[in-house]
N, C-alpha and C. Protein backbone atom coordinates (compact mmCIF):
# COMPACT_ATOMS: atom_id res chain seq x y z
N MET A 1 13.10 11.42 -15.06
CA MET A 1 14.01 10.83 -14.12
C MET A 1 13.89 11.51 -12.75
N ALA A 2 13.74 12.83 -12.76
CA ALA A 2 13.63 13.56 -11.50
C ALA A 2 12.35 13.18 -10.77
N VAL A 3 11.30 12.95 -11.54
CA VAL A 3 10.03 12.55 -10.93
C VAL A 3 10.19 11.19 -10.26
N GLU A 4 10.87 10.29 -10.94
CA GLU A 4 11.10 8.96 -10.37
C GLU A 4 11.91 9.05 -9.08
N ARG A 5 12.94 9.87 -9.06
CA ARG A 5 13.75 10.04 -7.84
C ARG A 5 12.93 10.60 -6.70
N GLU A 6 12.00 11.50 -7.03
CA GLU A 6 11.19 12.12 -5.99
C GLU A 6 10.15 11.16 -5.43
N TYR A 7 9.52 10.39 -6.30
CA TYR A 7 8.39 9.58 -5.84
C TYR A 7 8.73 8.14 -5.49
N GLU A 8 9.87 7.63 -5.93
CA GLU A 8 10.23 6.25 -5.62
C GLU A 8 10.35 6.00 -4.11
N PRO A 9 11.01 6.86 -3.34
CA PRO A 9 11.06 6.64 -1.88
C PRO A 9 9.67 6.68 -1.24
N LYS A 10 8.82 7.57 -1.71
CA LYS A 10 7.46 7.66 -1.17
C LYS A 10 6.68 6.39 -1.49
N PHE A 11 6.84 5.88 -2.72
CA PHE A 11 6.16 4.67 -3.13
C PHE A 11 6.63 3.48 -2.29
N ARG A 12 7.93 3.37 -2.08
CA ARG A 12 8.46 2.28 -1.24
C ARG A 12 7.95 2.38 0.19
N ASP A 13 7.87 3.59 0.72
CA ASP A 13 7.37 3.78 2.08
C ASP A 13 5.92 3.33 2.19
N ILE A 14 5.11 3.72 1.23
CA ILE A 14 3.70 3.31 1.25
C ILE A 14 3.58 1.79 1.12
N GLN A 15 4.39 1.19 0.25
CA GLN A 15 4.36 -0.27 0.11
C GLN A 15 4.75 -0.95 1.42
N ASN A 16 5.76 -0.43 2.09
CA ASN A 16 6.18 -1.02 3.38
C ASN A 16 5.10 -0.87 4.44
N ARG A 17 4.43 0.28 4.46
CA ARG A 17 3.36 0.48 5.43
C ARG A 17 2.18 -0.44 5.15
N LEU A 18 1.85 -0.64 3.88
CA LEU A 18 0.77 -1.55 3.52
C LEU A 18 1.12 -2.98 3.91
N LYS A 19 2.36 -3.39 3.65
CA LYS A 19 2.79 -4.74 4.01
C LYS A 19 2.73 -4.94 5.52
N ALA A 20 3.15 -3.94 6.29
CA ALA A 20 3.09 -4.05 7.75
C ALA A 20 1.65 -4.16 8.23
N ALA A 21 0.75 -3.37 7.63
CA ALA A 21 -0.66 -3.44 8.01
C ALA A 21 -1.25 -4.81 7.67
N LEU A 22 -0.88 -5.34 6.51
CA LEU A 22 -1.38 -6.67 6.13
C LEU A 22 -0.83 -7.76 7.04
N ASP A 23 0.42 -7.63 7.43
CA ASP A 23 0.99 -8.60 8.37
C ASP A 23 0.23 -8.59 9.70
N ARG A 24 -0.08 -7.38 10.18
CA ARG A 24 -0.84 -7.27 11.43
C ARG A 24 -2.25 -7.85 11.25
N ALA A 25 -2.88 -7.56 10.10
CA ALA A 25 -4.23 -8.07 9.85
C ALA A 25 -4.23 -9.58 9.76
N ASN A 26 -3.25 -10.16 9.07
CA ASN A 26 -3.18 -11.62 8.94
C ASN A 26 -2.94 -12.28 10.30
N ALA A 27 -2.12 -11.67 11.13
CA ALA A 27 -1.89 -12.22 12.47
C ALA A 27 -3.18 -12.16 13.29
N HIS A 28 -3.91 -11.07 13.19
CA HIS A 28 -5.19 -10.93 13.91
C HIS A 28 -6.21 -11.95 13.42
N ILE A 29 -6.28 -12.12 12.09
CA ILE A 29 -7.23 -13.08 11.52
C ILE A 29 -6.89 -14.49 12.00
N ALA A 30 -5.62 -14.85 11.96
CA ALA A 30 -5.22 -16.19 12.38
C ALA A 30 -5.51 -16.43 13.85
N LYS A 31 -5.34 -15.40 14.66
CA LYS A 31 -5.56 -15.55 16.11
C LYS A 31 -7.05 -15.56 16.46
N SER A 32 -7.84 -14.71 15.81
CA SER A 32 -9.22 -14.54 16.24
C SER A 32 -10.21 -15.49 15.58
N SER A 33 -9.94 -15.94 14.38
CA SER A 33 -10.93 -16.79 13.71
C SER A 33 -10.25 -17.75 12.72
N PRO A 34 -9.50 -18.70 13.23
CA PRO A 34 -8.80 -19.61 12.31
C PRO A 34 -9.76 -20.58 11.63
N GLY A 35 -9.64 -20.67 10.31
CA GLY A 35 -10.31 -21.70 9.54
C GLY A 35 -11.82 -21.65 9.47
N ASN A 36 -12.43 -20.51 9.56
CA ASN A 36 -13.88 -20.48 9.40
C ASN A 36 -14.30 -19.42 8.40
N LEU A 37 -15.57 -19.29 8.19
CA LEU A 37 -16.10 -18.36 7.20
C LEU A 37 -15.72 -16.91 7.50
N GLN A 38 -15.68 -16.56 8.78
CA GLN A 38 -15.32 -15.19 9.15
C GLN A 38 -13.90 -14.86 8.71
N SER A 39 -12.97 -15.79 8.88
CA SER A 39 -11.59 -15.51 8.47
C SER A 39 -11.49 -15.38 6.95
N GLN A 40 -12.25 -16.18 6.22
CA GLN A 40 -12.25 -16.07 4.76
C GLN A 40 -12.77 -14.70 4.33
N TYR A 41 -13.80 -14.22 5.00
CA TYR A 41 -14.34 -12.90 4.69
C TYR A 41 -13.32 -11.81 5.01
N MET A 42 -12.63 -11.95 6.12
CA MET A 42 -11.62 -10.95 6.50
C MET A 42 -10.47 -10.93 5.49
N HIS A 43 -10.06 -12.09 5.01
CA HIS A 43 -9.02 -12.14 3.98
C HIS A 43 -9.50 -11.51 2.68
N MET A 44 -10.76 -11.72 2.34
CA MET A 44 -11.31 -11.12 1.13
C MET A 44 -11.30 -9.59 1.24
N GLN A 45 -11.63 -9.06 2.42
CA GLN A 45 -11.61 -7.61 2.61
C GLN A 45 -10.19 -7.05 2.51
N ALA A 46 -9.23 -7.78 3.06
CA ALA A 46 -7.84 -7.34 2.96
C ALA A 46 -7.38 -7.36 1.51
N ASP A 47 -7.79 -8.36 0.74
CA ASP A 47 -7.43 -8.43 -0.68
C ASP A 47 -8.01 -7.25 -1.46
N LYS A 48 -9.19 -6.80 -1.08
CA LYS A 48 -9.77 -5.62 -1.74
C LYS A 48 -8.89 -4.40 -1.55
N ILE A 49 -8.32 -4.28 -0.37
CA ILE A 49 -7.44 -3.14 -0.10
C ILE A 49 -6.16 -3.24 -0.92
N VAL A 50 -5.58 -4.43 -0.97
CA VAL A 50 -4.33 -4.63 -1.69
C VAL A 50 -4.50 -4.37 -3.18
N HIS A 51 -5.62 -4.78 -3.73
CA HIS A 51 -5.82 -4.69 -5.17
C HIS A 51 -6.71 -3.52 -5.58
N ALA A 52 -6.86 -2.55 -4.71
CA ALA A 52 -7.66 -1.37 -5.05
C ALA A 52 -6.95 -0.56 -6.13
N THR A 53 -7.73 0.07 -6.97
CA THR A 53 -7.15 0.93 -8.00
C THR A 53 -7.41 2.38 -7.65
N CYS A 54 -6.44 3.20 -7.93
CA CYS A 54 -6.55 4.63 -7.68
C CYS A 54 -6.57 5.35 -9.03
N THR A 55 -7.44 6.30 -9.14
CA THR A 55 -7.53 7.08 -10.37
C THR A 55 -7.05 8.49 -10.09
N ILE A 56 -6.15 8.94 -10.93
CA ILE A 56 -5.64 10.30 -10.81
C ILE A 56 -6.17 11.07 -12.01
N ASN A 57 -6.93 12.10 -11.75
CA ASN A 57 -7.51 12.91 -12.83
C ASN A 57 -6.61 14.10 -13.10
N VAL A 58 -6.07 14.15 -14.30
CA VAL A 58 -5.20 15.25 -14.71
C VAL A 58 -6.01 16.13 -15.65
N PRO A 59 -6.08 17.43 -15.35
CA PRO A 59 -6.89 18.30 -16.21
C PRO A 59 -6.31 18.38 -17.63
N ARG A 60 -7.20 18.51 -18.57
CA ARG A 60 -6.80 18.65 -19.97
C ARG A 60 -6.13 20.00 -20.18
N PRO A 61 -5.09 20.06 -20.99
CA PRO A 61 -4.47 21.37 -21.25
C PRO A 61 -5.42 22.25 -22.05
N PRO A 62 -5.26 23.55 -21.93
CA PRO A 62 -6.13 24.46 -22.69
C PRO A 62 -5.96 24.26 -24.18
N ASP A 63 -6.98 24.60 -24.94
CA ASP A 63 -6.94 24.42 -26.39
C ASP A 63 -6.04 25.41 -27.11
N ASP A 64 -5.76 26.54 -26.50
CA ASP A 64 -5.00 27.59 -27.19
C ASP A 64 -3.51 27.57 -26.84
N THR A 65 -2.93 26.40 -26.71
CA THR A 65 -1.51 26.33 -26.34
C THR A 65 -0.59 26.72 -27.49
N ASP A 66 -1.10 26.84 -28.70
CA ASP A 66 -0.25 27.19 -29.84
C ASP A 66 -0.14 28.71 -30.08
N ASP A 67 -0.76 29.51 -29.23
CA ASP A 67 -0.72 30.98 -29.39
C ASP A 67 0.53 31.52 -28.73
N PRO A 68 1.54 31.97 -29.51
CA PRO A 68 2.79 32.47 -28.92
C PRO A 68 2.61 33.79 -28.16
N ALA A 69 1.56 34.55 -28.47
CA ALA A 69 1.35 35.82 -27.78
C ALA A 69 0.73 35.62 -26.40
N ASP A 70 0.18 34.44 -26.16
CA ASP A 70 -0.47 34.16 -24.88
C ASP A 70 0.54 33.49 -23.96
N PRO A 71 0.92 34.15 -22.87
CA PRO A 71 1.96 33.56 -21.99
C PRO A 71 1.51 32.34 -21.26
């Protein structure tokens, strides 16, 4: 629960920043190249950003975690 409280505001902030960037990109695309192949390509690139996946690598815990003498 504490982790959610800590990261939820950060997650919302990042989502809002991404939405603002996409709004600016869509306005630029509509203004600079309406209805042609270039605008379709620009939308495809924006979609790649929106649907990108991030991988977080968490190290494996040590094998000797059951040793009570080892702090």
